PDB file of N, CA and C in Angstrom:
ATOM      1  N   UNK A   1    -271.550-131.602   9.757  1.00  0.00           N
ATOM      2  CA  UNK A   1    -271.933-131.086   8.450  1.00  0.00           C
ATOM      3  C   UNK A   1    -270.803-130.195   7.941  1.00  0.00           C
ATOM      4  N   UNK A   2    -270.369-130.432   6.731  1.00  0.00           N
ATOM      5  CA  UNK A   2    -269.286-129.645   6.142  1.00  0.00           C
ATOM      6  C   UNK A   2    -269.827-128.347   5.548  1.00  0.00           C
ATOM      7  N   UNK A   3    -269.007-127.323   5.567  1.00  0.00           N
ATOM      8  CA  UNK A   3    -269.388-126.014   5.034  1.00  0.00           C
ATOM      9  C   UNK A   3    -268.518-125.690   3.822  1.00  0.00           C
ATOM     10  N   UNK A   4    -269.130-125.069   2.833  1.00  0.00           N
ATOM     11  CA  UNK A   4    -268.448-124.653   1.612  1.00  0.00           C
ATOM     12  C   UNK A   4    -269.008-123.296   1.204  1.00  0.00           C
ATOM     13  N   UNK A   5    -268.291-122.611   0.322  1.00  0.00           N
ATOM     14  CA  UNK A   5    -268.895-121.476  -0.356  1.00  0.00           C
ATOM     15  C   UNK A   5    -268.904-121.773  -1.847  1.00  0.00           C
ATOM     16  N   UNK A   6    -269.974-121.384  -2.460  1.00  0.00           N
ATOM     17  CA  UNK A   6    -270.168-121.502  -3.906  1.00  0.00           C
ATOM     18  C   UNK A   6    -270.190-120.066  -4.406  1.00  0.00           C
ATOM     19  N   UNK A   7    -269.147-119.687  -5.146  1.00  0.00           N
ATOM     20  CA  UNK A   7    -269.021-118.317  -5.611  1.00  0.00           C
ATOM     21  C   UNK A   7    -269.408-118.245  -7.081  1.00  0.00           C
ATOM     22  N   UNK A   8    -270.484-117.512  -7.366  1.00  0.00           N
ATOM     23  CA  UNK A   8    -270.956-117.327  -8.738  1.00  0.00           C
ATOM     24  C   UNK A   8    -270.614-115.900  -9.171  1.00  0.00           C
ATOM     25  N   UNK A   9    -269.850-115.772 -10.246  1.00  0.00           N
ATOM     26  CA  UNK A   9    -269.420-114.480 -10.761  1.00  0.00           C
ATOM     27  C   UNK A   9    -270.127-114.235 -12.090  1.00  0.00           C
ATOM     28  N   UNK A  10    -270.736-113.053 -12.234  1.00  0.00           N
ATOM     29  CA  UNK A  10    -271.550-112.787 -13.420  1.00  0.00           C
ATOM     30  C   UNK A  10    -271.463-111.328 -13.834  1.00  0.00           C
ATOM     31  N   UNK A  11    -272.027-111.064 -15.003  1.00  0.00           N
ATOM     32  CA  UNK A  11    -272.227-109.710 -15.504  1.00  0.00           C
ATOM     33  C   UNK A  11    -273.645-109.589 -16.022  1.00  0.00           C
ATOM     34  N   UNK A  12    -274.166-108.385 -16.003  1.00  0.00           N
ATOM     35  CA  UNK A  12    -275.466-108.108 -16.598  1.00  0.00           C
ATOM     36  C   UNK A  12    -275.284-107.907 -18.099  1.00  0.00           C
ATOM     37  N   UNK A  13    -276.345-108.119 -18.848  1.00  0.00           N
ATOM     38  CA  UNK A  13    -276.335-107.759 -20.261  1.00  0.00           C
ATOM     39  C   UNK A  13    -276.220-106.232 -20.345  1.00  0.00           C
ATOM     40  N   UNK A  14    -275.686-105.759 -21.443  1.00  0.00           N
ATOM     41  CA  UNK A  14    -275.480-104.311 -21.632  1.00  0.00           C
ATOM     42  C   UNK A  14    -276.741-103.520 -21.305  1.00  0.00           C
ATOM     43  N   UNK A  15    -276.619-102.566 -20.369  1.00  0.00           N
ATOM     44  CA  UNK A  15    -277.727-101.694 -20.013  1.00  0.00           C
ATOM     45  C   UNK A  15    -278.807-102.332 -19.160  1.00  0.00           C
ATOM     46  N   UNK A  16    -278.577-103.553 -18.675  1.00  0.00           N
ATOM     47  CA  UNK A  16    -279.599-104.292 -17.926  1.00  0.00           C
ATOM     48  C   UNK A  16    -279.258-104.480 -16.451  1.00  0.00           C
ATOM     49  N   UNK A  17    -278.362-103.666 -15.921  1.00  0.00           N
ATOM     50  CA  UNK A  17    -277.887-103.866 -14.547  1.00  0.00           C
ATOM     51  C   UNK A  17    -279.014-103.863 -13.518  1.00  0.00           C
ATOM     52  N   UNK A  18    -279.906-102.885 -13.585  1.00  0.00           N
ATOM     53  CA  UNK A  18    -280.990-102.802 -12.594  1.00  0.00           C
ATOM     54  C   UNK A  18    -281.945-103.986 -12.720  1.00  0.00           C
ATOM     55  N   UNK A  19    -282.318-104.328 -13.951  1.00  0.00           N
ATOM     56  CA  UNK A  19    -283.230-105.454 -14.168  1.00  0.00           C
ATOM     57  C   UNK A  19    -282.566-106.762 -13.752  1.00  0.00           C
ATOM     58  N   UNK A  20    -281.274-106.892 -14.012  1.00  0.00           N
ATOM     59  CA  UNK A  20    -280.552-108.106 -13.629  1.00  0.00           C
ATOM     60  C   UNK A  20    -280.506-108.245 -12.102  1.00  0.00           C
ATOM     61  N   UNK A  21    -280.222-107.140 -11.415  1.00  0.00           N
ATOM     62  CA  UNK A  21    -280.217-107.167  -9.947  1.00  0.00           C
ATOM     63  C   UNK A  21    -281.571-107.558  -9.385  1.00  0.00           C
ATOM     64  N   UNK A  22    -282.638-107.025  -9.977  1.00  0.00           N
ATOM     65  CA  UNK A  22    -283.992-107.366  -9.524  1.00  0.00           C
ATOM     66  C   UNK A  22    -284.282-108.840  -9.763  1.00  0.00           C
ATOM     67  N   UNK A  23    -283.882-109.355 -10.921  1.00  0.00           N
ATOM     68  CA  UNK A  23    -284.069-110.786 -11.224  1.00  0.00           C
ATOM     69  C   UNK A  23    -283.325-111.646 -10.195  1.00  0.00           C
ATOM     70  N   UNK A  24    -282.077-111.300  -9.917  1.00  0.00           N
ATOM     71  CA  UNK A  24    -281.307-112.090  -8.947  1.00  0.00           C
ATOM     72  C   UNK A  24    -281.962-112.042  -7.566  1.00  0.00           C
ATOM     73  N   UNK A  25    -282.336-110.840  -7.121  1.00  0.00           N
ATOM     74  CA  UNK A  25    -282.902-110.677  -5.780  1.00  0.00           C
ATOM     75  C   UNK A  25    -284.285-111.308  -5.623  1.00  0.00           C
ATOM     76  N   UNK A  26    -285.110-111.186  -6.639  1.00  0.00           N
ATOM     77  CA  UNK A  26    -286.509-111.592  -6.522  1.00  0.00           C
ATOM     78  C   UNK A  26    -286.791-112.993  -7.057  1.00  0.00           C
ATOM     79  N   UNK A  27    -285.926-113.503  -7.934  1.00  0.00           N
ATOM     80  CA  UNK A  27    -286.217-114.791  -8.570  1.00  0.00           C
ATOM     81  C   UNK A  27    -285.094-115.805  -8.359  1.00  0.00           C
ATOM     82  N   UNK A  28    -283.914-115.510  -8.905  1.00  0.00           N
ATOM     83  CA  UNK A  28    -282.855-116.523  -8.961  1.00  0.00           C
ATOM     84  C   UNK A  28    -282.343-116.954  -7.577  1.00  0.00           C
ATOM     85  N   UNK A  29    -281.921-115.983  -6.768  1.00  0.00           N
ATOM     86  CA  UNK A  29    -281.380-116.350  -5.454  1.00  0.00           C
ATOM     87  C   UNK A  29    -282.430-117.087  -4.607  1.00  0.00           C
ATOM     88  N   UNK A  30    -283.686-116.602  -4.549  1.00  0.00           N
ATOM     89  CA  UNK A  30    -284.688-117.374  -3.801  1.00  0.00           C
ATOM     90  C   UNK A  30    -284.871-118.800  -4.336  1.00  0.00           C
ATOM     91  N   UNK A  31    -284.774-118.995  -5.657  1.00  0.00           N
ATOM     92  CA  UNK A  31    -284.876-120.354  -6.211  1.00  0.00           C
ATOM     93  C   UNK A  31    -283.720-121.220  -5.735  1.00  0.00           C
ATOM     94  N   UNK A  32    -282.511-120.686  -5.788  1.00  0.00           N
ATOM     95  CA  UNK A  32    -281.340-121.467  -5.366  1.00  0.00           C
ATOM     96  C   UNK A  32    -281.438-121.813  -3.884  1.00  0.00           C
ATOM     97  N   UNK A  33    -281.975-120.905  -3.089  1.00  0.00           N
ATOM     98  CA  UNK A  33    -282.089-121.158  -1.647  1.00  0.00           C
ATOM     99  C   UNK A  33    -283.080-122.270  -1.306  1.00  0.00           C
ATOM    100  N   UNK A  34    -283.873-122.728  -2.265  1.00  0.00           N
ATOM    101  CA  UNK A  34    -284.774-123.858  -2.012  1.00  0.00           C
ATOM    102  C   UNK A  34    -284.069-125.202  -2.166  1.00  0.00           C
ATOM    103  N   UNK A  35    -282.866-125.216  -2.701  1.00  0.00           N
ATOM    104  CA  UNK A  35    -282.136-126.461  -2.923  1.00  0.00           C
ATOM    105  C   UNK A  35    -281.576-126.962  -1.590  1.00  0.00           C
ATOM    106  N   UNK A  36    -281.835-128.218  -1.242  1.00  0.00           N
ATOM    107  CA  UNK A  36    -281.271-128.762   0.001  1.00  0.00           C
ATOM    108  C   UNK A  36    -279.745-128.636   0.012  1.00  0.00           C
ATOM    109  N   UNK A  37    -279.223-128.142   1.113  1.00  0.00           N
ATOM    110  CA  UNK A  37    -277.778-127.950   1.244  1.00  0.00           C
ATOM    111  C   UNK A  37    -277.342-126.510   1.022  1.00  0.00           C
ATOM    112  N   UNK A  38    -278.200-125.693   0.417  1.00  0.00           N
ATOM    113  CA  UNK A  38    -277.887-124.274   0.234  1.00  0.00           C
ATOM    114  C   UNK A  38    -278.482-123.539   1.434  1.00  0.00           C
ATOM    115  N   UNK A  39    -277.604-122.980   2.264  1.00  0.00           N
ATOM    116  CA  UNK A  39    -278.043-122.420   3.547  1.00  0.00           C
ATOM    117  C   UNK A  39    -278.249-120.913   3.533  1.00  0.00           C
ATOM    118  N   UNK A  40    -277.507-120.193   2.696  1.00  0.00           N
ATOM    119  CA  UNK A  40    -277.592-118.729   2.703  1.00  0.00           C
ATOM    120  C   UNK A  40    -276.973-118.190   1.418  1.00  0.00           C
ATOM    121  N   UNK A  41    -277.255-116.927   1.149  1.00  0.00           N
ATOM    122  CA  UNK A  41    -276.678-116.269  -0.026  1.00  0.00           C
ATOM    123  C   UNK A  41    -276.503-114.785   0.252  1.00  0.00           C
ATOM    124  N   UNK A  42    -275.497-114.199  -0.370  1.00  0.00           N
ATOM    125  CA  UNK A  42    -275.259-112.755  -0.292  1.00  0.00           C
ATOM    126  C   UNK A  42    -274.728-112.306  -1.647  1.00  0.00           C
ATOM    127  N   UNK A  43    -275.348-111.254  -2.200  1.00  0.00           N
ATOM    128  CA  UNK A  43    -274.883-110.697  -3.467  1.00  0.00           C
ATOM    129  C   UNK A  43    -273.914-109.549  -3.216  1.00  0.00           C
ATOM    130  N   UNK A  44    -272.953-109.376  -4.138  1.00  0.00           N
ATOM    131  CA  UNK A  44    -271.953-108.317  -4.051  1.00  0.00           C
ATOM    132  C   UNK A  44    -271.780-107.668  -5.418  1.00  0.00           C
ATOM    133  N   UNK A  45    -271.335-106.405  -5.399  1.00  0.00           N
ATOM    134  CA  UNK A  45    -271.003-105.698  -6.629  1.00  0.00           C
ATOM    135  C   UNK A  45    -269.561-105.205  -6.517  1.00  0.00           C
ATOM    136  N   UNK A  46    -268.820-105.314  -7.593  1.00  0.00           N
ATOM    137  CA  UNK A  46    -267.439-104.874  -7.648  1.00  0.00           C
ATOM    138  C   UNK A  46    -267.343-103.390  -7.303  1.00  0.00           C
ATOM    139  N   UNK A  47    -266.387-103.025  -6.494  1.00  0.00           N
ATOM    140  CA  UNK A  47    -266.180-101.620  -6.146  1.00  0.00           C
ATOM    141  C   UNK A  47    -265.209-100.970  -7.125  1.00  0.00           C
ATOM    142  N   UNK A  48    -265.248 -99.650  -7.183  1.00  0.00           N
ATOM    143  CA  UNK A  48    -264.309 -98.928  -8.042  1.00  0.00           C
ATOM    144  C   UNK A  48    -262.878 -99.048  -7.521  1.00  0.00           C
ATOM    145  N   UNK A  49    -262.740 -99.084  -6.207  1.00  0.00           N
ATOM    146  CA  UNK A  49    -261.412 -99.207  -5.600  1.00  0.00           C
ATOM    147  C   UNK A  49    -261.026-100.678  -5.542  1.00  0.00           C
ATOM    148  N   UNK A  50    -259.890-101.009  -6.125  1.00  0.00           N
ATOM    149  CA  UNK A  50    -259.400-102.387  -6.125  1.00  0.00           C
ATOM    150  C   UNK A  50    -257.939-102.403  -5.720  1.00  0.00           C
ATOM    151  N   UNK A  51    -257.522-103.478  -5.123  1.00  0.00           N
ATOM    152  CA  UNK A  51    -256.127-103.635  -4.695  1.00  0.00           C
ATOM    153  C   UNK A  51    -255.215-103.814  -5.893  1.00  0.00           C
ATOM    154  N   UNK A  52    -255.713-104.513  -6.928  1.00  0.00           N
ATOM    155  CA  UNK A  52    -254.890-104.800  -8.103  1.00  0.00           C
ATOM    156  C   UNK A  52    -255.607-104.302  -9.355  1.00  0.00           C
ATOM    157  N   UNK A  53    -254.855-103.970 -10.360  1.00  0.00           N
ATOM    158  CA  UNK A  53    -255.386-103.569 -11.666  1.00  0.00           C
ATOM    159  C   UNK A  53    -254.858-104.529 -12.708  1.00  0.00           C
ATOM    160  N   UNK A  54    -255.551-104.813 -13.764  1.00  0.00           N
ATOM    161  CA  UNK A  54    -256.921-104.381 -13.997  1.00  0.00           C
ATOM    162  C   UNK A  54    -257.880-105.146 -13.089  1.00  0.00           C
ATOM    163  N   UNK A  55    -259.109-104.631 -12.934  1.00  0.00           N
ATOM    164  CA  UNK A  55    -260.073-105.333 -12.085  1.00  0.00           C
ATOM    165  C   UNK A  55    -260.519-106.638 -12.729  1.00  0.00           C
ATOM    166  N   UNK A  56    -261.098-107.528 -11.951  1.00  0.00           N
ATOM    167  CA  UNK A  56    -261.578-108.798 -12.504  1.00  0.00           C
ATOM    168  C   UNK A  56    -262.659-108.553 -13.556  1.00  0.00           C
ATOM    169  N   UNK A  57    -262.889-109.518 -14.421  1.00  0.00           N
ATOM    170  CA  UNK A  57    -263.838-109.331 -15.516  1.00  0.00           C
ATOM    171  C   UNK A  57    -265.306-109.436 -15.107  1.00  0.00           C
ATOM    172  N   UNK A  58    -265.580-109.692 -13.854  1.00  0.00           N
ATOM    173  CA  UNK A  58    -266.964-109.866 -13.407  1.00  0.00           C
ATOM    174  C   UNK A  58    -267.363-108.733 -12.471  1.00  0.00           C
ATOM    175  N   UNK A  59    -268.524-108.145 -12.722  1.00  0.00           N
ATOM    176  CA  UNK A  59    -269.003-107.031 -11.893  1.00  0.00           C
ATOM    177  C   UNK A  59    -269.754-107.525 -10.665  1.00  0.00           C
ATOM    178  N   UNK A  60    -270.414-108.673 -10.781  1.00  0.00           N
ATOM    179  CA  UNK A  60    -271.258-109.158  -9.693  1.00  0.00           C
ATOM    180  C   UNK A  60    -270.774-110.508  -9.180  1.00  0.00           C
ATOM    181  N   UNK A  61    -270.943-110.701  -7.869  1.00  0.00           N
ATOM    182  CA  UNK A  61    -270.639-111.992  -7.246  1.00  0.00           C
ATOM    183  C   UNK A  61    -271.797-112.343  -6.319  1.00  0.00           C
ATOM    184  N   UNK A  62    -272.190-113.596  -6.356  1.00  0.00           N
ATOM    185  CA  UNK A  62    -273.129-114.111  -5.359  1.00  0.00           C
ATOM    186  C   UNK A  62    -272.409-115.227  -4.633  1.00  0.00           C
ATOM    187  N   UNK A  63    -272.332-115.116  -3.325  1.00  0.00           N
ATOM    188  CA  UNK A  63    -271.686-116.134  -2.505  1.00  0.00           C
ATOM    189  C   UNK A  63    -272.780-116.919  -1.798  1.00  0.00           C
ATOM    190  N   UNK A  64    -272.869-118.190  -2.156  1.00  0.00           N
ATOM    191  CA  UNK A  64    -273.832-119.090  -1.518  1.00  0.00           C
ATOM    192  C   UNK A  64    -273.086-119.896  -0.469  1.00  0.00           C
ATOM    193  N   UNK A  65    -273.656-120.015   0.710  1.00  0.00           N
ATOM    194  CA  UNK A  65    -273.092-120.862   1.758  1.00  0.00           C
ATOM    195  C   UNK A  65    -273.752-122.231   1.661  1.00  0.00           C
ATOM    196  N   UNK A  66    -272.925-123.252   1.491  1.00  0.00           N
ATOM    197  CA  UNK A  66    -273.425-124.617   1.407  1.00  0.00           C
ATOM    198  C   UNK A  66    -273.101-125.336   2.704  1.00  0.00           C
ATOM    199  N   UNK A  67    -274.069-126.093   3.197  1.00  0.00           N
ATOM    200  CA  UNK A  67    -273.869-126.935   4.379  1.00  0.00           C
ATOM    201  C   UNK A  67    -274.368-128.320   4.017  1.00  0.00           C
ATOM    202  N   UNK A  68    -273.427-129.241   3.841  1.00  0.00           N
ATOM    203  CA  UNK A  68    -273.792-130.569   3.364  1.00  0.00           C
ATOM    204  C   UNK A  68    -272.719-131.584   3.715  1.00  0.00           C
ATOM    205  N   UNK A  69    -273.133-132.808   3.908  1.00  0.00           N
ATOM    206  CA  UNK A  69    -272.191-133.912   4.071  1.00  0.00           C
ATOM    207  C   UNK A  69    -271.951-134.628   2.750  1.00  0.00           C
ATOM    208  N   UNK A  70    -272.685-134.219   1.692  1.00  0.00           N
ATOM    209  CA  UNK A  70    -272.546-134.830   0.374  1.00  0.00           C
ATOM    210  C   UNK A  70    -272.518-133.727  -0.678  1.00  0.00           C
ATOM    211  N   UNK A  71    -271.325-133.154  -0.887  1.00  0.00           N
ATOM    212  CA  UNK A  71    -271.187-132.033  -1.808  1.00  0.00           C
ATOM    213  C   UNK A  71    -271.613-132.418  -3.222  1.00  0.00           C
ATOM    214  N   UNK A  72    -271.250-133.597  -3.668  1.00  0.00           N
ATOM    215  CA  UNK A  72    -271.625-134.024  -5.025  1.00  0.00           C
ATOM    216  C   UNK A  72    -273.144-134.039  -5.196  1.00  0.00           C
ATOM    217  N   UNK A  73    -273.872-134.540  -4.205  1.00  0.00           N
ATOM    218  CA  UNK A  73    -275.336-134.582  -4.289  1.00  0.00           C
ATOM    219  C   UNK A  73    -275.924-133.169  -4.280  1.00  0.00           C
ATOM    220  N   UNK A  74    -275.346-132.275  -3.484  1.00  0.00           N
ATOM    221  CA  UNK A  74    -275.831-130.895  -3.453  1.00  0.00           C
ATOM    222  C   UNK A  74    -275.603-130.217  -4.792  1.00  0.00           C
ATOM    223  N   UNK A  75    -274.435-130.422  -5.394  1.00  0.00           N
ATOM    224  CA  UNK A  75    -274.166-129.826  -6.705  1.00  0.00           C
ATOM    225  C   UNK A  75    -275.070-130.420  -7.781  1.00  0.00           C
ATOM    226  N   UNK A  76    -275.354-131.705  -7.689  1.00  0.00           N
ATOM    227  CA  UNK A  76    -276.301-132.326  -8.627  1.00  0.00           C
ATOM    228  C   UNK A  76    -277.682-131.701  -8.457  1.00  0.00           C
ATOM    229  N   UNK A  77    -278.097-131.472  -7.226  1.00  0.00           N
ATOM    230  CA  UNK A  77    -279.401-130.850  -6.969  1.00  0.00           C
ATOM    231  C   UNK A  77    -279.442-129.423  -7.518  1.00  0.00           C
ATOM    232  N   UNK A  78    -278.343-128.686  -7.408  1.00  0.00           N
ATOM    233  CA  UNK A  78    -278.279-127.331  -7.962  1.00  0.00           C
ATOM    234  C   UNK A  78    -278.387-127.387  -9.484  1.00  0.00           C
ATOM    235  N   UNK A  79    -277.644-128.306 -10.113  1.00  0.00           N
ATOM    236  CA  UNK A  79    -277.720-128.451 -11.576  1.00  0.00           C
ATOM    237  C   UNK A  79    -279.122-128.843 -12.024  1.00  0.00           C
ATOM    238  N   UNK A  80    -279.754-129.746 -11.306  1.00  0.00           N
ATOM    239  CA  UNK A  80    -281.113-130.188 -11.644  1.00  0.00           C
ATOM    240  C   UNK A  80    -282.092-129.030 -11.520  1.00  0.00           C
ATOM    241  N   UNK A  81    -281.982-128.266 -10.449  1.00  0.00           N
ATOM    242  CA  UNK A  81    -282.864-127.115 -10.251  1.00  0.00           C
ATOM    243  C   UNK A  81    -282.654-126.072 -11.349  1.00  0.00           C
ATOM    244  N   UNK A  82    -281.423-125.913 -11.804  1.00  0.00           N
ATOM    245  CA  UNK A  82    -281.127-124.922 -12.844  1.00  0.00           C
ATOM    246  C   UNK A  82    -281.843-125.233 -14.156  1.00  0.00           C
ATOM    247  N   UNK A  83    -282.092-126.500 -14.414  1.00  0.00           N
ATOM    248  CA  UNK A  83    -282.757-126.894 -15.670  1.00  0.00           C
ATOM    249  C   UNK A  83    -284.176-126.356 -15.761  1.00  0.00           C
ATOM    250  N   UNK A  84    -284.844-126.207 -14.630  1.00  0.00           N
ATOM    251  CA  UNK A  84    -286.235-125.735 -14.638  1.00  0.00           C
ATOM    252  C   UNK A  84    -286.381-124.333 -14.047  1.00  0.00           C
ATOM    253  N   UNK A  85    -285.269-123.704 -13.708  1.00  0.00           N
ATOM    254  CA  UNK A  85    -285.309-122.374 -13.099  1.00  0.00           C
ATOM    255  C   UNK A  85    -285.803-121.331 -14.100  1.00  0.00           C
ATOM    256  N   UNK A  86    -286.373-120.268 -13.574  1.00  0.00           N
ATOM    257  CA  UNK A  86    -286.803-119.139 -14.393  1.00  0.00           C
ATOM    258  C   UNK A  86    -285.553-118.472 -14.968  1.00  0.00           C
ATOM    259  N   UNK A  87    -285.513-118.294 -16.269  1.00  0.00           N
ATOM    260  CA  UNK A  87    -284.368-117.674 -16.939  1.00  0.00           C
ATOM    261  C   UNK A  87    -284.664-116.198 -17.194  1.00  0.00           C
ATOM    262  N   UNK A  88    -283.610-115.431 -17.409  1.00  0.00           N
ATOM    263  CA  UNK A  88    -283.752-114.011 -17.695  1.00  0.00           C
ATOM    264  C   UNK A  88    -282.731-113.608 -18.749  1.00  0.00           C
ATOM    265  N   UNK A  89    -283.138-112.762 -19.668  1.00  0.00           N
ATOM    266  CA  UNK A  89    -282.237-112.238 -20.688  1.00  0.00           C
ATOM    267  C   UNK A  89    -281.433-111.049 -20.167  1.00  0.00           C
ATOM    268  N   UNK A  90    -281.589-110.718 -18.890  1.00  0.00           N
ATOM    269  CA  UNK A  90    -280.898-109.549 -18.338  1.00  0.00           C
ATOM    270  C   UNK A  90    -279.455-109.844 -17.947  1.00  0.00           C
ATOM    271  N   UNK A  91    -279.082-111.113 -17.867  1.00  0.00           N
ATOM    272  CA  UNK A  91    -277.708-111.488 -17.564  1.00  0.00           C
ATOM    273  C   UNK A  91    -276.950-111.792 -18.846  1.00  0.00           C
ATOM    274  N   UNK A  92    -275.641-111.621 -18.824  1.00  0.00           N
ATOM    275  CA  UNK A  92    -274.797-111.930 -19.974  1.00  0.00           C
ATOM    276  C   UNK A  92    -274.425-113.410 -19.912  1.00  0.00           C
ATOM    277  N   UNK A  93    -274.987-114.247 -20.801  1.00  0.00           N
ATOM    278  CA  UNK A  93    -274.740-115.691 -20.720  1.00  0.00           C
ATOM    279  C   UNK A  93    -273.304-116.087 -21.043  1.00  0.00           C
ATOM    280  N   UNK A  94    -272.552-115.194 -21.680  1.00  0.00           N
ATOM    281  CA  UNK A  94    -271.162-115.504 -22.039  1.00  0.00           C
ATOM    282  C   UNK A  94    -270.162-114.985 -21.006  1.00  0.00           C
ATOM    283  N   UNK A  95    -270.664-114.416 -19.927  1.00  0.00           N
ATOM    284  CA  UNK A  95    -269.781-113.816 -18.935  1.00  0.00           C
ATOM    285  C   UNK A  95    -270.180-114.278 -17.542  1.00  0.00           C
ATOM    286  N   UNK A  96    -269.827-115.523 -17.235  1.00  0.00           N
ATOM    287  CA  UNK A  96    -270.130-116.057 -15.912  1.00  0.00           C
ATOM    288  C   UNK A  96    -269.155-117.177 -15.576  1.00  0.00           C
ATOM    289  N   UNK A  97    -268.959-117.363 -14.297  1.00  0.00           N
ATOM    290  CA  UNK A  97    -268.080-118.416 -13.802  1.00  0.00           C
ATOM    291  C   UNK A  97    -268.553-118.775 -12.400  1.00  0.00           C
ATOM    292  N   UNK A  98    -268.248-119.980 -11.970  1.00  0.00           N
ATOM    293  CA  UNK A  98    -268.640-120.392 -10.620  1.00  0.00           C
ATOM    294  C   UNK A  98    -267.646-121.421 -10.094  1.00  0.00           C
ATOM    295  N   UNK A  99    -267.307-121.280  -8.825  1.00  0.00           N
ATOM    296  CA  UNK A  99    -266.394-122.204  -8.177  1.00  0.00           C
ATOM    297  C   UNK A  99    -266.871-122.504  -6.766  1.00  0.00           C
ATOM    298  N   UNK A 100    -266.477-123.687  -6.289  1.00  0.00           N
ATOM    299  CA  UNK A 100    -266.780-124.115  -4.920  1.00  0.00           C
ATOM    300  C   UNK A 100    -265.472-124.094  -4.120  1.00  0.00           C
ATOM    301  N   UNK A 101    -265.535-123.538  -2.926  1.00  0.00           N
ATOM    302  CA  UNK A 101    -264.371-123.510  -2.039  1.00  0.00           C
ATOM    303  C   UNK A 101    -264.741-124.149  -0.712  1.00  0.00           C
ATOM    304  N   UNK A 102    -263.755-124.803  -0.100  1.00  0.00           N
ATOM    305  CA  UNK A 102    -263.929-125.348   1.237  1.00  0.00           C
ATOM    306  C   UNK A 102    -263.007-124.589   2.177  1.00  0.00           C
ATOM    307  N   UNK A 103    -263.360-124.482   3.441  1.00  0.00           N
ATOM    308  CA  UNK A 103    -262.486-123.774   4.377  1.00  0.00           C
ATOM    309  C   UNK A 103    -261.193-124.549   4.605  1.00  0.00           C
ATOM    310  N   UNK A 104    -260.136-123.803   4.777  1.00  0.00           N
ATOM    311  CA  UNK A 104    -258.825-124.377   5.081  1.00  0.00           C
ATOM    312  C   UNK A 104    -258.302-123.632   6.296  1.00  0.00           C
ATOM    313  N   UNK A 105    -257.982-124.342   7.328  1.00  0.00           N
ATOM    314  CA  UNK A 105    -257.520-123.689   8.551  1.00  0.00           C
ATOM    315  C   UNK A 105    -258.674-123.087   9.320  1.00  0.00           C
ATOM    316  N   UNK A 106    -258.344-122.379  10.369  1.00  0.00           N
ATOM    317  CA  UNK A 106    -259.347-121.777  11.231  1.00  0.00           C
ATOM    318  C   UNK A 106    -259.729-120.394  10.742  1.00  0.00           C
ATOM    319  N   UNK A 107    -260.956-119.999  10.999  1.00  0.00           N
ATOM    320  CA  UNK A 107    -261.392-118.629  10.733  1.00  0.00           C
ATOM    321  C   UNK A 107    -260.768-117.744  11.800  1.00  0.00           C
ATOM    322  N   UNK A 108    -260.192-116.634  11.393  1.00  0.00           N
ATOM    323  CA  UNK A 108    -259.512-115.745  12.333  1.00  0.00           C
ATOM    324  C   UNK A 108    -260.205-114.402  12.373  1.00  0.00           C
ATOM    325  N   UNK A 109    -260.194-113.800  13.542  1.00  0.00           N
ATOM    326  CA  UNK A 109    -260.778-112.483  13.737  1.00  0.00           C
ATOM    327  C   UNK A 109    -259.685-111.482  14.066  1.00  0.00           C
ATOM    328  N   UNK A 110    -259.815-110.273  13.570  1.00  0.00           N
ATOM    329  CA  UNK A 110    -258.864-109.220  13.898  1.00  0.00           C
ATOM    330  C   UNK A 110    -259.079-108.779  15.333  1.00  0.00           C
ATOM    331  N   UNK A 111    -257.987-108.482  15.991  1.00  0.00           N
ATOM    332  CA  UNK A 111    -258.038-107.932  17.348  1.00  0.00           C
ATOM    333  C   UNK A 111    -257.799-106.436  17.271  1.00  0.00           C
ATOM    334  N   UNK A 112    -258.192-105.709  18.275  1.00  0.00           N
ATOM    335  CA  UNK A 112    -257.872-104.278  18.285  1.00  0.00           C
ATOM    336  C   UNK A 112    -256.369-104.071  18.100  1.00  0.00           C
ATOM    337  N   UNK A 113    -255.981-102.996  17.434  1.00  0.00           N
ATOM    338  CA  UNK A 113    -254.569-102.728  17.126  1.00  0.00           C
ATOM    339  C   UNK A 113    -253.681-102.776  18.363  1.00  0.00           C
ATOM    340  N   UNK A 114    -254.221-102.428  19.498  1.00  0.00           N
ATOM    341  CA  UNK A 114    -253.414-102.412  20.728  1.00  0.00           C
ATOM    342  C   UNK A 114    -252.993-103.807  21.159  1.00  0.00           C
ATOM    343  N   UNK A 115    -253.717-104.853  20.699  1.00  0.00           N
ATOM    344  CA  UNK A 115    -253.381-106.220  21.099  1.00  0.00           C
ATOM    345  C   UNK A 115    -252.399-106.867  20.141  1.00  0.00           C
ATOM    346  N   UNK A 116    -252.293-106.378  18.920  1.00  0.00           N
ATOM    347  CA  UNK A 116    -251.223-106.734  18.028  1.00  0.00           C
ATOM    348  C   UNK A 116    -251.198-108.060  17.306  1.00  0.00           C
ATOM    349  N   UNK A 117    -252.183-108.933  17.408  1.00  0.00           N
ATOM    350  CA  UNK A 117    -252.154-110.181  16.639  1.00  0.00           C
ATOM    351  C   UNK A 117    -253.567-110.633  16.359  1.00  0.00           C
ATOM    352  N   UNK A 118    -253.674-111.751  15.652  1.00  0.00           N
ATOM    353  CA  UNK A 118    -254.993-112.296  15.316  1.00  0.00           C
ATOM    354  C   UNK A 118    -255.315-113.469  16.220  1.00  0.00           C
ATOM    355  N   UNK A 119    -256.585-113.668  16.453  1.00  0.00           N
ATOM    356  CA  UNK A 119    -256.993-114.813  17.262  1.00  0.00           C
ATOM    357  C   UNK A 119    -257.830-115.749  16.382  1.00  0.00           C
ATOM    358  N   UNK A 120    -257.688-117.065  16.579  1.00  0.00           N
ATOM    359  CA  UNK A 120    -258.492-118.021  15.792  1.00  0.00           C
ATOM    360  C   UNK A 120    -259.951-118.002  16.216  1.00  0.00           C
TER     361      UNK A 120
END
């Protein structure tokens, strides 16, 4: 089974950050997790500290882990589910983006500083 990440980047509507977070946590993410091939999800919020300036235009990211042997079918299922999903006016419909990534190379773990290199 192949693994992918589906990264959804969004913003809340002006002044709706708390309501938008509640909608994502209680409604949207649980709906997406019912789609075959969607294995897990984690929401993130942009931090004040960034490596580069200016910061990206999106305050929120949801990373969905996909596990599927048919990525096209999984994406079709996500699109189909979106048509009947519960909508919310708390998100900014003009400020969102989403991309799918596949792993390249091995996942590496940091070693203690005394060992001096990374291990696959």
